[in-house]
């Protein structure tokens, strides 16, 4: 696993969560980063926010359930031959 492909976040209780970057999905002219938690079966999606520094990214939570579902469907279709989705 490439270290450049990992992101570590802290939750509200200070617990660290390691995420593996998988892909970027473009939906309605917005970019969404797809991550897999290192120690969990699931998918985490963040909107990639605007930043002035091209070397850094801003990841914003997506609260709109419809957007999350549609971005996930694009991802699932793209990777249907790579991953098994429940």
PDB file of N, CA and C in Angstrom:
ATOM      1  N   UNK A   1       0.846  -1.179   0.000  1.00  0.00           N
ATOM      2  CA  UNK A   1       0.000   0.000   0.000  1.00  0.00           C
ATOM      3  C   UNK A   1       0.888   1.238   0.000  1.00  0.00           C
ATOM      4  N   UNK A   2       0.657   2.144  -0.883  1.00  0.00           N
ATOM      5  CA  UNK A   2       1.432   3.362  -1.018  1.00  0.00           C
ATOM      6  C   UNK A   2       1.061   4.344   0.094  1.00  0.00           C
ATOM      7  N   UNK A   3       2.046   4.830   0.840  1.00  0.00           N
ATOM      8  CA  UNK A   3       1.797   5.768   1.933  1.00  0.00           C
ATOM      9  C   UNK A   3       1.156   7.062   1.445  1.00  0.00           C
ATOM     10  N   UNK A   4       1.430   7.453   0.192  1.00  0.00           N
ATOM     11  CA  UNK A   4       0.838   8.667  -0.352  1.00  0.00           C
ATOM     12  C   UNK A   4      -0.663   8.509  -0.565  1.00  0.00           C
ATOM     13  N   UNK A   5      -1.133   7.295  -0.507  1.00  0.00           N
ATOM     14  CA  UNK A   5      -2.534   7.023  -0.764  1.00  0.00           C
ATOM     15  C   UNK A   5      -3.328   6.890   0.531  1.00  0.00           C
ATOM     16  N   UNK A   6      -2.723   7.234   1.667  1.00  0.00           N
ATOM     17  CA  UNK A   6      -3.370   7.114   2.967  1.00  0.00           C
ATOM     18  C   UNK A   6      -3.650   8.502   3.544  1.00  0.00           C
ATOM     19  N   UNK A   7      -4.754   8.584   4.286  1.00  0.00           N
ATOM     20  CA  UNK A   7      -5.144   9.812   4.973  1.00  0.00           C
ATOM     21  C   UNK A   7      -5.521   9.411   6.389  1.00  0.00           C
ATOM     22  N   UNK A   8      -5.051  10.147   7.381  1.00  0.00           N
ATOM     23  CA  UNK A   8      -5.404   9.864   8.769  1.00  0.00           C
ATOM     24  C   UNK A   8      -6.234  11.024   9.295  1.00  0.00           C
ATOM     25  N   UNK A   9      -7.420  10.689   9.811  1.00  0.00           N
ATOM     26  CA  UNK A   9      -8.329  11.677  10.391  1.00  0.00           C
ATOM     27  C   UNK A   9      -8.554  11.339  11.852  1.00  0.00           C
ATOM     28  N   UNK A  10      -8.985  12.321  12.627  1.00  0.00           N
ATOM     29  CA  UNK A  10      -9.373  12.087  14.014  1.00  0.00           C
ATOM     30  C   UNK A  10     -10.864  12.338  14.144  1.00  0.00           C
ATOM     31  N   UNK A  11     -11.544  11.420  14.862  1.00  0.00           N
ATOM     32  CA  UNK A  11     -12.972  11.616  15.073  1.00  0.00           C
ATOM     33  C   UNK A  11     -13.184  12.557  16.257  1.00  0.00           C
ATOM     34  N   UNK A  12     -14.447  12.779  16.624  1.00  0.00           N
ATOM     35  CA  UNK A  12     -14.782  13.718  17.696  1.00  0.00           C
ATOM     36  C   UNK A  12     -14.203  13.315  19.051  1.00  0.00           C
ATOM     37  N   UNK A  13     -13.888  12.031  19.215  1.00  0.00           N
ATOM     38  CA  UNK A  13     -13.347  11.542  20.479  1.00  0.00           C
ATOM     39  C   UNK A  13     -11.827  11.420  20.459  1.00  0.00           C
ATOM     40  N   UNK A  14     -11.191  11.872  19.368  1.00  0.00           N
ATOM     41  CA  UNK A  14      -9.741  11.837  19.267  1.00  0.00           C
ATOM     42  C   UNK A  14      -9.174  10.534  18.736  1.00  0.00           C
ATOM     43  N   UNK A  15     -10.033   9.611  18.329  1.00  0.00           N
ATOM     44  CA  UNK A  15      -9.569   8.348  17.755  1.00  0.00           C
ATOM     45  C   UNK A  15      -9.142   8.572  16.315  1.00  0.00           C
ATOM     46  N   UNK A  16      -7.971   8.026  15.968  1.00  0.00           N
ATOM     47  CA  UNK A  16      -7.488   8.173  14.604  1.00  0.00           C
ATOM     48  C   UNK A  16      -8.115   7.119  13.696  1.00  0.00           C
ATOM     49  N   UNK A  17      -8.442   7.538  12.500  1.00  0.00           N
ATOM     50  CA  UNK A  17      -9.027   6.660  11.492  1.00  0.00           C
ATOM     51  C   UNK A  17      -8.145   6.755  10.259  1.00  0.00           C
ATOM     52  N   UNK A  18      -7.602   5.619   9.823  1.00  0.00           N
ATOM     53  CA  UNK A  18      -6.783   5.596   8.615  1.00  0.00           C
ATOM     54  C   UNK A  18      -7.657   5.254   7.426  1.00  0.00           C
ATOM     55  N   UNK A  19      -7.523   6.064   6.382  1.00  0.00           N
ATOM     56  CA  UNK A  19      -8.309   5.869   5.165  1.00  0.00           C
ATOM     57  C   UNK A  19      -7.378   5.666   3.979  1.00  0.00           C
ATOM     58  N   UNK A  20      -7.757   4.740   3.126  1.00  0.00           N
ATOM     59  CA  UNK A  20      -7.016   4.512   1.890  1.00  0.00           C
ATOM     60  C   UNK A  20      -7.749   5.218   0.755  1.00  0.00           C
ATOM     61  N   UNK A  21      -7.048   6.122   0.078  1.00  0.00           N
ATOM     62  CA  UNK A  21      -7.623   6.813  -1.071  1.00  0.00           C
ATOM     63  C   UNK A  21      -7.802   5.824  -2.218  1.00  0.00           C
ATOM     64  N   UNK A  22      -8.984   5.829  -2.836  1.00  0.00           N
ATOM     65  CA  UNK A  22      -9.278   4.916  -3.941  1.00  0.00           C
ATOM     66  C   UNK A  22      -9.400   5.651  -5.271  1.00  0.00           C
ATOM     67  N   UNK A  23     -10.222   6.700  -5.315  1.00  0.00           N
ATOM     68  CA  UNK A  23     -10.479   7.353  -6.598  1.00  0.00           C
ATOM     69  C   UNK A  23     -11.150   8.702  -6.381  1.00  0.00           C
ATOM     70  N   UNK A  24     -11.253   9.464  -7.458  1.00  0.00           N
ATOM     71  CA  UNK A  24     -12.014  10.713  -7.483  1.00  0.00           C
ATOM     72  C   UNK A  24     -13.151  10.535  -8.474  1.00  0.00           C
ATOM     73  N   UNK A  25     -14.347  10.902  -8.038  1.00  0.00           N
ATOM     74  CA  UNK A  25     -15.533  10.856  -8.890  1.00  0.00           C
ATOM     75  C   UNK A  25     -15.994  12.288  -9.114  1.00  0.00           C
ATOM     76  N   UNK A  26     -16.249  12.634 -10.369  1.00  0.00           N
ATOM     77  CA  UNK A  26     -16.787  13.954 -10.691  1.00  0.00           C
ATOM     78  C   UNK A  26     -18.298  13.812 -10.834  1.00  0.00           C
ATOM     79  N   UNK A  27     -19.018  14.633 -10.088  1.00  0.00           N
ATOM     80  CA  UNK A  27     -20.480  14.620 -10.115  1.00  0.00           C
ATOM     81  C   UNK A  27     -20.960  16.060 -10.075  1.00  0.00           C
ATOM     82  N   UNK A  28     -21.712  16.443 -11.091  1.00  0.00           N
ATOM     83  CA  UNK A  28     -22.236  17.813 -11.209  1.00  0.00           C
ATOM     84  C   UNK A  28     -21.146  18.866 -11.008  1.00  0.00           C
ATOM     85  N   UNK A  29     -20.059  18.680 -11.730  1.00  0.00           N
ATOM     86  CA  UNK A  29     -18.918  19.606 -11.733  1.00  0.00           C
ATOM     87  C   UNK A  29     -18.226  19.750 -10.377  1.00  0.00           C
ATOM     88  N   UNK A  30     -18.452  18.819  -9.482  1.00  0.00           N
ATOM     89  CA  UNK A  30     -17.761  18.782  -8.190  1.00  0.00           C
ATOM     90  C   UNK A  30     -16.957  17.490  -8.133  1.00  0.00           C
ATOM     91  N   UNK A  31     -15.836  17.523  -7.434  1.00  0.00           N
ATOM     92  CA  UNK A  31     -15.016  16.328  -7.275  1.00  0.00           C
ATOM     93  C   UNK A  31     -15.233  15.741  -5.887  1.00  0.00           C
ATOM     94  N   UNK A  32     -15.342  14.413  -5.855  1.00  0.00           N
ATOM     95  CA  UNK A  32     -15.554  13.685  -4.609  1.00  0.00           C
ATOM     96  C   UNK A  32     -14.468  12.619  -4.479  1.00  0.00           C
ATOM     97  N   UNK A  33     -13.835  12.582  -3.319  1.00  0.00           N
ATOM     98  CA  UNK A  33     -12.791  11.593  -3.051  1.00  0.00           C
ATOM     99  C   UNK A  33     -13.422  10.376  -2.396  1.00  0.00           C
ATOM    100  N   UNK A  34     -13.045   9.199  -2.892  1.00  0.00           N
ATOM    101  CA  UNK A  34     -13.546   7.942  -2.364  1.00  0.00           C
ATOM    102  C   UNK A  34     -12.430   7.310  -1.529  1.00  0.00           C
ATOM    103  N   UNK A  35     -12.758   6.942  -0.296  1.00  0.00           N
ATOM    104  CA  UNK A  35     -11.810   6.312   0.618  1.00  0.00           C
ATOM    105  C   UNK A  35     -12.404   5.031   1.183  1.00  0.00           C
ATOM    106  N   UNK A  36     -11.529   4.077   1.492  1.00  0.00           N
ATOM    107  CA  UNK A  36     -11.893   2.887   2.260  1.00  0.00           C
ATOM    108  C   UNK A  36     -11.220   3.011   3.621  1.00  0.00           C
ATOM    109  N   UNK A  37     -11.956   2.845   4.711  1.00  0.00           N
ATOM    110  CA  UNK A  37     -11.314   2.794   6.029  1.00  0.00           C
ATOM    111  C   UNK A  37     -10.402   1.575   6.109  1.00  0.00           C
ATOM    112  N   UNK A  38      -9.215   1.742   6.662  1.00  0.00           N
ATOM    113  CA  UNK A  38      -8.240   0.657   6.723  1.00  0.00           C
ATOM    114  C   UNK A  38      -8.748  -0.530   7.533  1.00  0.00           C
ATOM    115  N   UNK A  39      -9.446  -0.274   8.628  1.00  0.00           N
ATOM    116  CA  UNK A  39      -9.876  -1.344   9.536  1.00  0.00           C
ATOM    117  C   UNK A  39     -11.386  -1.561   9.518  1.00  0.00           C
ATOM    118  N   UNK A  40     -12.040  -1.311   8.392  1.00  0.00           N
ATOM    119  CA  UNK A  40     -13.496  -1.423   8.358  1.00  0.00           C
ATOM    120  C   UNK A  40     -13.933  -1.758   6.938  1.00  0.00           C
ATOM    121  N   UNK A  41     -15.105  -2.334   6.822  1.00  0.00           N
ATOM    122  CA  UNK A  41     -15.697  -2.559   5.508  1.00  0.00           C
ATOM    123  C   UNK A  41     -16.679  -1.430   5.253  1.00  0.00           C
ATOM    124  N   UNK A  42     -16.337  -0.559   4.392  1.00  0.00           N
ATOM    125  CA  UNK A  42     -17.212   0.557   4.098  1.00  0.00           C
ATOM    126  C   UNK A  42     -16.549   1.498   3.120  1.00  0.00           C
ATOM    127  N   UNK A  43     -17.258   2.535   2.810  1.00  0.00           N
ATOM    128  CA  UNK A  43     -16.772   3.551   1.884  1.00  0.00           C
ATOM    129  C   UNK A  43     -17.049   4.906   2.505  1.00  0.00           C
ATOM    130  N   UNK A  44     -16.077   5.786   2.446  1.00  0.00           N
ATOM    131  CA  UNK A  44     -16.250   7.150   2.924  1.00  0.00           C
ATOM    132  C   UNK A  44     -16.038   8.085   1.742  1.00  0.00           C
ATOM    133  N   UNK A  45     -16.958   9.025   1.600  1.00  0.00           N
ATOM    134  CA  UNK A  45     -16.924   9.967   0.476  1.00  0.00           C
ATOM    135  C   UNK A  45     -16.844  11.385   1.032  1.00  0.00           C
ATOM    136  N   UNK A  46     -15.866  12.143   0.531  1.00  0.00           N
ATOM    137  CA  UNK A  46     -15.732  13.557   0.867  1.00  0.00           C
ATOM    138  C   UNK A  46     -15.766  14.374  -0.417  1.00  0.00           C
ATOM    139  N   UNK A  47     -16.348  15.565  -0.331  1.00  0.00           N
ATOM    140  CA  UNK A  47     -16.242  16.510  -1.435  1.00  0.00           C
ATOM    141  C   UNK A  47     -14.869  17.162  -1.319  1.00  0.00           C
ATOM    142  N   UNK A  48     -14.196  17.281  -2.443  1.00  0.00           N
ATOM    143  CA  UNK A  48     -12.899  17.956  -2.458  1.00  0.00           C
ATOM    144  C   UNK A  48     -13.174  19.446  -2.581  1.00  0.00           C
ATOM    145  N   UNK A  49     -12.812  20.176  -1.550  1.00  0.00           N
ATOM    146  CA  UNK A  49     -13.089  21.605  -1.501  1.00  0.00           C
ATOM    147  C   UNK A  49     -12.064  22.414  -2.256  1.00  0.00           C
ATOM    148  N   UNK A  50     -12.392  23.666  -2.448  1.00  0.00           N
ATOM    149  CA  UNK A  50     -11.495  24.591  -3.123  1.00  0.00           C
ATOM    150  C   UNK A  50     -10.318  24.905  -2.219  1.00  0.00           C
ATOM    151  N   UNK A  51      -9.151  24.989  -2.815  1.00  0.00           N
ATOM    152  CA  UNK A  51      -7.957  25.369  -2.076  1.00  0.00           C
ATOM    153  C   UNK A  51      -7.069  26.205  -2.980  1.00  0.00           C
ATOM    154  N   UNK A  52      -6.339  27.103  -2.387  1.00  0.00           N
ATOM    155  CA  UNK A  52      -5.459  27.967  -3.177  1.00  0.00           C
ATOM    156  C   UNK A  52      -4.128  27.290  -3.451  1.00  0.00           C
ATOM    157  N   UNK A  53      -3.789  26.277  -2.659  1.00  0.00           N
ATOM    158  CA  UNK A  53      -2.521  25.571  -2.813  1.00  0.00           C
ATOM    159  C   UNK A  53      -2.773  24.261  -3.545  1.00  0.00           C
ATOM    160  N   UNK A  54      -2.187  24.104  -4.728  1.00  0.00           N
ATOM    161  CA  UNK A  54      -2.444  22.911  -5.537  1.00  0.00           C
ATOM    162  C   UNK A  54      -1.846  21.648  -4.928  1.00  0.00           C
ATOM    163  N   UNK A  55      -1.008  21.782  -3.893  1.00  0.00           N
ATOM    164  CA  UNK A  55      -0.392  20.628  -3.237  1.00  0.00           C
ATOM    165  C   UNK A  55      -1.251  20.099  -2.089  1.00  0.00           C
ATOM    166  N   UNK A  56      -2.232  20.858  -1.636  1.00  0.00           N
ATOM    167  CA  UNK A  56      -3.072  20.450  -0.513  1.00  0.00           C
ATOM    168  C   UNK A  56      -4.521  20.362  -0.953  1.00  0.00           C
ATOM    169  N   UNK A  57      -5.244  19.474  -0.270  1.00  0.00           N
ATOM    170  CA  UNK A  57      -6.654  19.295  -0.578  1.00  0.00           C
ATOM    171  C   UNK A  57      -7.472  19.537   0.678  1.00  0.00           C
ATOM    172  N   UNK A  58      -8.671  20.007   0.480  1.00  0.00           N
ATOM    173  CA  UNK A  58      -9.621  20.192   1.564  1.00  0.00           C
ATOM    174  C   UNK A  58     -10.732  19.170   1.365  1.00  0.00           C
ATOM    175  N   UNK A  59     -10.968  18.335   2.369  1.00  0.00           N
ATOM    176  CA  UNK A  59     -12.010  17.314   2.278  1.00  0.00           C
ATOM    177  C   UNK A  59     -13.176  17.725   3.162  1.00  0.00           C
ATOM    178  N   UNK A  60     -14.351  17.824   2.554  1.00  0.00           N
ATOM    179  CA  UNK A  60     -15.536  18.279   3.273  1.00  0.00           C
ATOM    180  C   UNK A  60     -16.562  17.159   3.347  1.00  0.00           C
ATOM    181  N   UNK A  61     -17.182  16.962   4.507  1.00  0.00           N
ATOM    182  CA  UNK A  61     -18.213  15.931   4.625  1.00  0.00           C
ATOM    183  C   UNK A  61     -19.382  16.222   3.679  1.00  0.00           C
ATOM    184  N   UNK A  62     -19.991  15.168   3.175  1.00  0.00           N
ATOM    185  CA  UNK A  62     -21.153  15.303   2.301  1.00  0.00           C
ATOM    186  C   UNK A  62     -22.376  14.923   3.124  1.00  0.00           C
ATOM    187  N   UNK A  63     -23.273  15.862   3.308  1.00  0.00           N
ATOM    188  CA  UNK A  63     -24.450  15.612   4.137  1.00  0.00           C
ATOM    189  C   UNK A  63     -25.688  15.278   3.320  1.00  0.00           C
ATOM    190  N   UNK A  64     -25.674  15.575   2.050  1.00  0.00           N
ATOM    191  CA  UNK A  64     -26.828  15.310   1.189  1.00  0.00           C
ATOM    192  C   UNK A  64     -26.835  13.830   0.801  1.00  0.00           C
ATOM    193  N   UNK A  65     -27.799  13.094   1.328  1.00  0.00           N
ATOM    194  CA  UNK A  65     -27.885  11.647   1.094  1.00  0.00           C
ATOM    195  C   UNK A  65     -28.028  11.312  -0.391  1.00  0.00           C
ATOM    196  N   UNK A  66     -28.750  12.134  -1.129  1.00  0.00           N
ATOM    197  CA  UNK A  66     -28.928  11.900  -2.566  1.00  0.00           C
ATOM    198  C   UNK A  66     -27.582  12.009  -3.295  1.00  0.00           C
ATOM    199  N   UNK A  67     -26.810  13.014  -2.976  1.00  0.00           N
ATOM    200  CA  UNK A  67     -25.497  13.197  -3.599  1.00  0.00           C
ATOM    201  C   UNK A  67     -24.598  12.017  -3.247  1.00  0.00           C
ATOM    202  N   UNK A  68     -24.583  11.620  -1.965  1.00  0.00           N
ATOM    203  CA  UNK A  68     -23.773  10.469  -1.560  1.00  0.00           C
ATOM    204  C   UNK A  68     -24.138   9.222  -2.357  1.00  0.00           C
ATOM    205  N   UNK A  69     -25.430   8.950  -2.479  1.00  0.00           N
ATOM    206  CA  UNK A  69     -25.882   7.764  -3.212  1.00  0.00           C
ATOM    207  C   UNK A  69     -25.501   7.822  -4.683  1.00  0.00           C
ATOM    208  N   UNK A  70     -25.646   8.970  -5.298  1.00  0.00           N
ATOM    209  CA  UNK A  70     -25.339   9.091  -6.725  1.00  0.00           C
ATOM    210  C   UNK A  70     -23.828   8.999  -6.987  1.00  0.00           C
ATOM    211  N   UNK A  71     -23.021   9.597  -6.114  1.00  0.00           N
ATOM    212  CA  UNK A  71     -21.569   9.487  -6.255  1.00  0.00           C
ATOM    213  C   UNK A  71     -21.148   8.035  -6.052  1.00  0.00           C
ATOM    214  N   UNK A  72     -21.724   7.373  -5.052  1.00  0.00           N
ATOM    215  CA  UNK A  72     -21.391   5.975  -4.802  1.00  0.00           C
ATOM    216  C   UNK A  72     -21.784   5.102  -5.988  1.00  0.00           C
ATOM    217  N   UNK A  73     -22.914   5.365  -6.613  1.00  0.00           N
ATOM    218  CA  UNK A  73     -23.336   4.582  -7.780  1.00  0.00           C
ATOM    219  C   UNK A  73     -22.353   4.722  -8.942  1.00  0.00           C
ATOM    220  N   UNK A  74     -21.844   5.927  -9.146  1.00  0.00           N
ATOM    221  CA  UNK A  74     -20.833   6.139 -10.193  1.00  0.00           C
ATOM    222  C   UNK A  74     -19.588   5.322  -9.867  1.00  0.00           C
ATOM    223  N   UNK A  75     -19.156   5.402  -8.610  1.00  0.00           N
ATOM    224  CA  UNK A  75     -17.988   4.642  -8.165  1.00  0.00           C
ATOM    225  C   UNK A  75     -18.223   3.142  -8.319  1.00  0.00           C
ATOM    226  N   UNK A  76     -19.380   2.679  -7.880  1.00  0.00           N
ATOM    227  CA  UNK A  76     -19.685   1.246  -7.943  1.00  0.00           C
ATOM    228  C   UNK A  76     -19.695   0.747  -9.382  1.00  0.00           C
ATOM    229  N   UNK A  77     -20.253   1.501 -10.280  1.00  0.00           N
ATOM    230  CA  UNK A  77     -20.275   1.107 -11.689  1.00  0.00           C
ATOM    231  C   UNK A  77     -18.856   1.055 -12.260  1.00  0.00           C
ATOM    232  N   UNK A  78     -18.050   2.033 -11.906  1.00  0.00           N
ATOM    233  CA  UNK A  78     -16.674   2.106 -12.398  1.00  0.00           C
ATOM    234  C   UNK A  78     -15.831   0.921 -11.908  1.00  0.00           C
ATOM    235  N   UNK A  79     -16.102   0.439 -10.694  1.00  0.00           N
ATOM    236  CA  UNK A  79     -15.290  -0.607 -10.078  1.00  0.00           C
ATOM    237  C   UNK A  79     -16.029  -1.936  -9.921  1.00  0.00           C
ATOM    238  N   UNK A  80     -17.080  -2.142 -10.691  1.00  0.00           N
ATOM    239  CA  UNK A  80     -17.876  -3.366 -10.538  1.00  0.00           C
ATOM    240  C   UNK A  80     -17.074  -4.632 -10.831  1.00  0.00           C
ATOM    241  N   UNK A  81     -16.014  -4.529 -11.613  1.00  0.00           N
ATOM    242  CA  UNK A  81     -15.190  -5.700 -11.930  1.00  0.00           C
ATOM    243  C   UNK A  81     -13.992  -5.837 -10.990  1.00  0.00           C
ATOM    244  N   UNK A  82     -13.856  -4.917 -10.049  1.00  0.00           N
ATOM    245  CA  UNK A  82     -12.710  -4.918  -9.142  1.00  0.00           C
ATOM    246  C   UNK A  82     -13.118  -5.309  -7.719  1.00  0.00           C
ATOM    247  N   UNK A  83     -14.239  -4.756  -7.240  1.00  0.00           N
ATOM    248  CA  UNK A  83     -14.701  -4.973  -5.872  1.00  0.00           C
ATOM    249  C   UNK A  83     -16.044  -5.680  -5.873  1.00  0.00           C
ATOM    250  N   UNK A  84     -16.322  -6.369  -4.787  1.00  0.00           N
ATOM    251  CA  UNK A  84     -17.643  -6.986  -4.590  1.00  0.00           C
ATOM    252  C   UNK A  84     -18.436  -6.051  -3.680  1.00  0.00           C
ATOM    253  N   UNK A  85     -19.558  -5.573  -4.162  1.00  0.00           N
ATOM    254  CA  UNK A  85     -20.401  -4.661  -3.404  1.00  0.00           C
ATOM    255  C   UNK A  85     -21.623  -5.415  -2.897  1.00  0.00           C
ATOM    256  N   UNK A  86     -21.991  -5.158  -1.632  1.00  0.00           N
ATOM    257  CA  UNK A  86     -23.186  -5.770  -1.059  1.00  0.00           C
ATOM    258  C   UNK A  86     -24.410  -4.986  -1.453  1.00  0.00           C
TER     259      UNK A  86
END
